[in-house]
Amino acid sequence: MVACASQGDSMNDVRPVDLATRYTAAWCSHDASRVAAFYAESGSLAINDGAPALGRQAVETAVQGFMTAYPDLIVRFDRLEPRDGRVLYHWTFIGTNTGPGGTGNRVRISGYEDWKIGPDGLIAESKGHYDAQDWDRQLKNR
């Protein structure tokens, strides 16, 4: 498991474990543009089968939403799972909802992103999944 370890931001090495380690560090940097830099210019991020954020700028906006709502967020890289030409990036998200309108409650939830990595070594498509009911319960019941 890797949490918030910085390994640089070069996208030239496309080994999935290196990508995942650097991606995790980008989340932990609290700089949404660093996370978005891991996506192809036309890349996408969808969460729990919702409408995708299309394009790097939209991904950055979506990521910034989490960073604003959870200013102390930590993302842990739990493991990778290759699957049918894709990679499942399993993570644990920990943070306190103290952003604007926040509940002040702490959330700890695990999930994964189903990545399609492009030939340039960037994320072309990410489909994120986590237990939204558990997330909501943690926000309301602490």
Protein backbone atom coordinates (compact mmCIF):
# COMPACT_ATOMS: atom_id res chain seq x y z
CA MET A 1 0.00 0.00 0.00
CA VAL A 2 1.29 3.46 -0.91
CA ALA A 3 -0.02 6.69 0.58
CA CYS A 4 1.01 10.16 -0.50
CA ALA A 5 4.54 9.21 -1.57
CA SER A 6 5.99 11.52 -4.18
CA GLN A 7 7.68 9.83 -7.10
CA GLY A 8 7.77 12.76 -9.54
CA ASP A 9 5.32 13.56 -12.27
CA SER A 10 6.92 12.28 -15.47
CA MET A 11 4.46 10.44 -17.68
CA ASN A 12 7.18 8.80 -19.78
CA ASP A 13 7.21 5.56 -17.79
CA VAL A 14 3.93 3.78 -18.53
CA ARG A 15 4.32 0.92 -16.07
CA PRO A 16 0.95 0.81 -14.28
CA VAL A 17 2.43 0.55 -10.76
CA ASP A 18 4.54 3.65 -11.36
CA LEU A 19 1.57 5.48 -12.86
CA ALA A 20 -0.59 4.54 -9.87
CA THR A 21 2.07 5.61 -7.37
CA ARG A 22 2.52 9.00 -9.03
CA TYR A 23 -1.25 9.43 -9.45
CA THR A 24 -1.73 8.78 -5.73
CA ALA A 25 0.94 11.36 -4.89
CA ALA A 26 -0.82 13.86 -7.15
CA TRP A 27 -4.08 13.38 -5.24
CA CYS A 28 -2.24 13.84 -1.95
CA SER A 29 -0.64 17.06 -3.24
CA HIS A 30 -4.05 18.76 -3.09
CA ASP A 31 -3.36 20.21 -6.55
CA ALA A 32 -6.13 19.18 -8.94
CA SER A 33 -4.07 20.16 -11.98
CA ARG A 34 -1.45 17.56 -10.98
CA VAL A 35 -4.13 14.85 -10.96
CA ALA A 36 -5.60 16.04 -14.27
CA ALA A 37 -2.13 15.89 -15.86
CA PHE A 38 -2.36 12.08 -15.68
CA TYR A 39 -5.31 12.17 -18.11
CA ALA A 40 -5.09 12.42 -21.87
CA GLU A 41 -6.28 15.80 -23.19
CA SER A 42 -9.52 14.09 -24.24
CA GLY A 43 -9.56 11.70 -21.25
CA SER A 44 -12.61 11.12 -19.10
CA LEU A 45 -13.51 10.39 -15.49
CA ALA A 46 -16.90 8.93 -14.52
CA ILE A 47 -17.89 8.17 -10.94
CA ASN A 48 -20.40 5.45 -10.07
CA ASP A 49 -21.78 5.35 -13.61
CA GLY A 50 -22.55 9.07 -13.55
CA ALA A 51 -22.02 11.49 -16.41
CA PRO A 52 -18.32 11.61 -17.22
CA ALA A 53 -16.08 14.63 -16.88
CA LEU A 54 -14.85 14.89 -20.48
CA GLY A 55 -11.43 16.37 -21.14
CA ARG A 56 -8.54 17.24 -18.88
CA GLN A 57 -10.04 20.55 -17.72
CA ALA A 58 -13.33 18.87 -16.72
CA VAL A 59 -11.39 16.17 -14.86
CA GLU A 60 -9.50 18.89 -13.00
CA THR A 61 -12.79 20.54 -12.01
CA ALA A 62 -14.21 17.23 -10.74
CA VAL A 63 -11.07 16.50 -8.72
CA GLN A 64 -11.07 20.03 -7.30
CA GLY A 65 -14.58 19.36 -5.98
CA PHE A 66 -13.26 16.54 -3.80
CA MET A 67 -10.26 18.59 -2.69
CA THR A 68 -12.46 21.53 -1.72
CA ALA A 69 -14.97 19.38 0.17
CA TYR A 70 -12.22 17.37 1.92
CA PRO A 71 -9.25 19.72 2.42
CA ASP A 72 -7.33 17.12 4.47
CA LEU A 73 -7.91 14.26 2.04
CA ILE A 74 -5.48 11.39 1.75
CA VAL A 75 -5.64 8.78 -0.99
CA ARG A 76 -3.95 5.44 -0.46
CA PHE A 77 -2.93 3.20 -3.32
CA ASP A 78 -4.05 -0.26 -2.22
CA ARG A 79 -3.33 -2.46 -5.24
CA LEU A 80 -3.57 -2.85 -9.01
CA GLU A 81 -5.50 -5.53 -10.81
CA PRO A 82 -4.96 -6.07 -14.56
CA ARG A 83 -8.20 -6.97 -16.31
CA ASP A 84 -8.91 -7.47 -20.02
CA GLY A 85 -6.46 -4.85 -21.27
CA ARG A 86 -7.44 -2.40 -18.55
CA VAL A 87 -6.11 -1.76 -15.05
CA LEU A 88 -8.15 -1.57 -11.85
CA TYR A 89 -6.55 0.95 -9.48
CA HIS A 90 -7.82 0.15 -5.96
CA TRP A 91 -7.66 3.01 -3.47
CA THR A 92 -8.78 4.16 -0.04
CA PHE A 93 -10.00 7.73 0.41
CA ILE A 94 -9.77 9.35 3.85
CA GLY A 95 -10.86 12.89 4.55
CA THR A 96 -12.94 15.21 6.71
CA ASN A 97 -15.84 17.03 5.07
CA THR A 98 -14.92 20.52 6.28
CA GLY A 99 -15.21 22.35 2.97
CA PRO A 100 -18.06 24.80 2.23
CA GLY A 101 -21.33 23.41 3.60
CA GLY A 102 -19.48 20.39 5.02
CA THR A 103 -20.77 18.18 7.80
CA GLY A 104 -17.45 18.04 9.65
CA ASN A 105 -17.62 14.25 9.48
CA ARG A 106 -14.73 12.03 8.45
CA VAL A 107 -15.06 9.60 5.56
CA ARG A 108 -12.96 6.49 4.99
CA ILE A 109 -13.97 4.45 2.00
CA SER A 110 -12.32 2.11 -0.45
CA GLY A 111 -13.08 1.84 -4.13
CA TYR A 112 -11.40 1.55 -7.48
CA GLU A 113 -10.94 3.21 -10.82
CA ASP A 114 -11.15 1.11 -13.97
CA TRP A 115 -8.48 2.64 -16.21
CA LYS A 116 -7.97 2.45 -19.93
CA ILE A 117 -4.39 3.60 -20.50
CA GLY A 118 -3.67 5.22 -23.86
CA PRO A 119 -0.57 4.63 -25.99
CA ASP A 120 0.89 7.86 -24.56
CA GLY A 121 0.82 6.35 -21.05
CA LEU A 122 -1.95 8.69 -19.90
CA ILE A 123 -5.38 7.73 -18.61
CA ALA A 124 -7.77 7.77 -21.58
CA GLU A 125 -10.76 6.66 -19.52
CA SER A 126 -11.38 6.16 -15.82
CA LYS A 127 -14.56 4.69 -14.38
CA GLY A 128 -14.54 5.16 -10.61
CA HIS A 129 -16.60 3.04 -8.25
CA TYR A 130 -17.25 3.16 -4.51
CA ASP A 131 -20.16 2.42 -2.16
CA ALA A 132 -22.11 5.69 -2.32
CA GLN A 133 -24.54 4.57 0.40
CA ASP A 134 -21.67 3.94 2.80
CA TRP A 135 -20.15 7.33 1.86
CA ASP A 136 -23.47 9.08 2.58
CA ARG A 137 -23.90 7.18 5.86
CA GLN A 138 -20.45 8.27 7.02
CA LEU A 139 -21.20 11.89 6.13
CA LYS A 140 -24.45 11.91 8.09
CA ASN A 141 -23.92 9.60 11.06
CA ARG A 142 -20.78 10.62 12.88
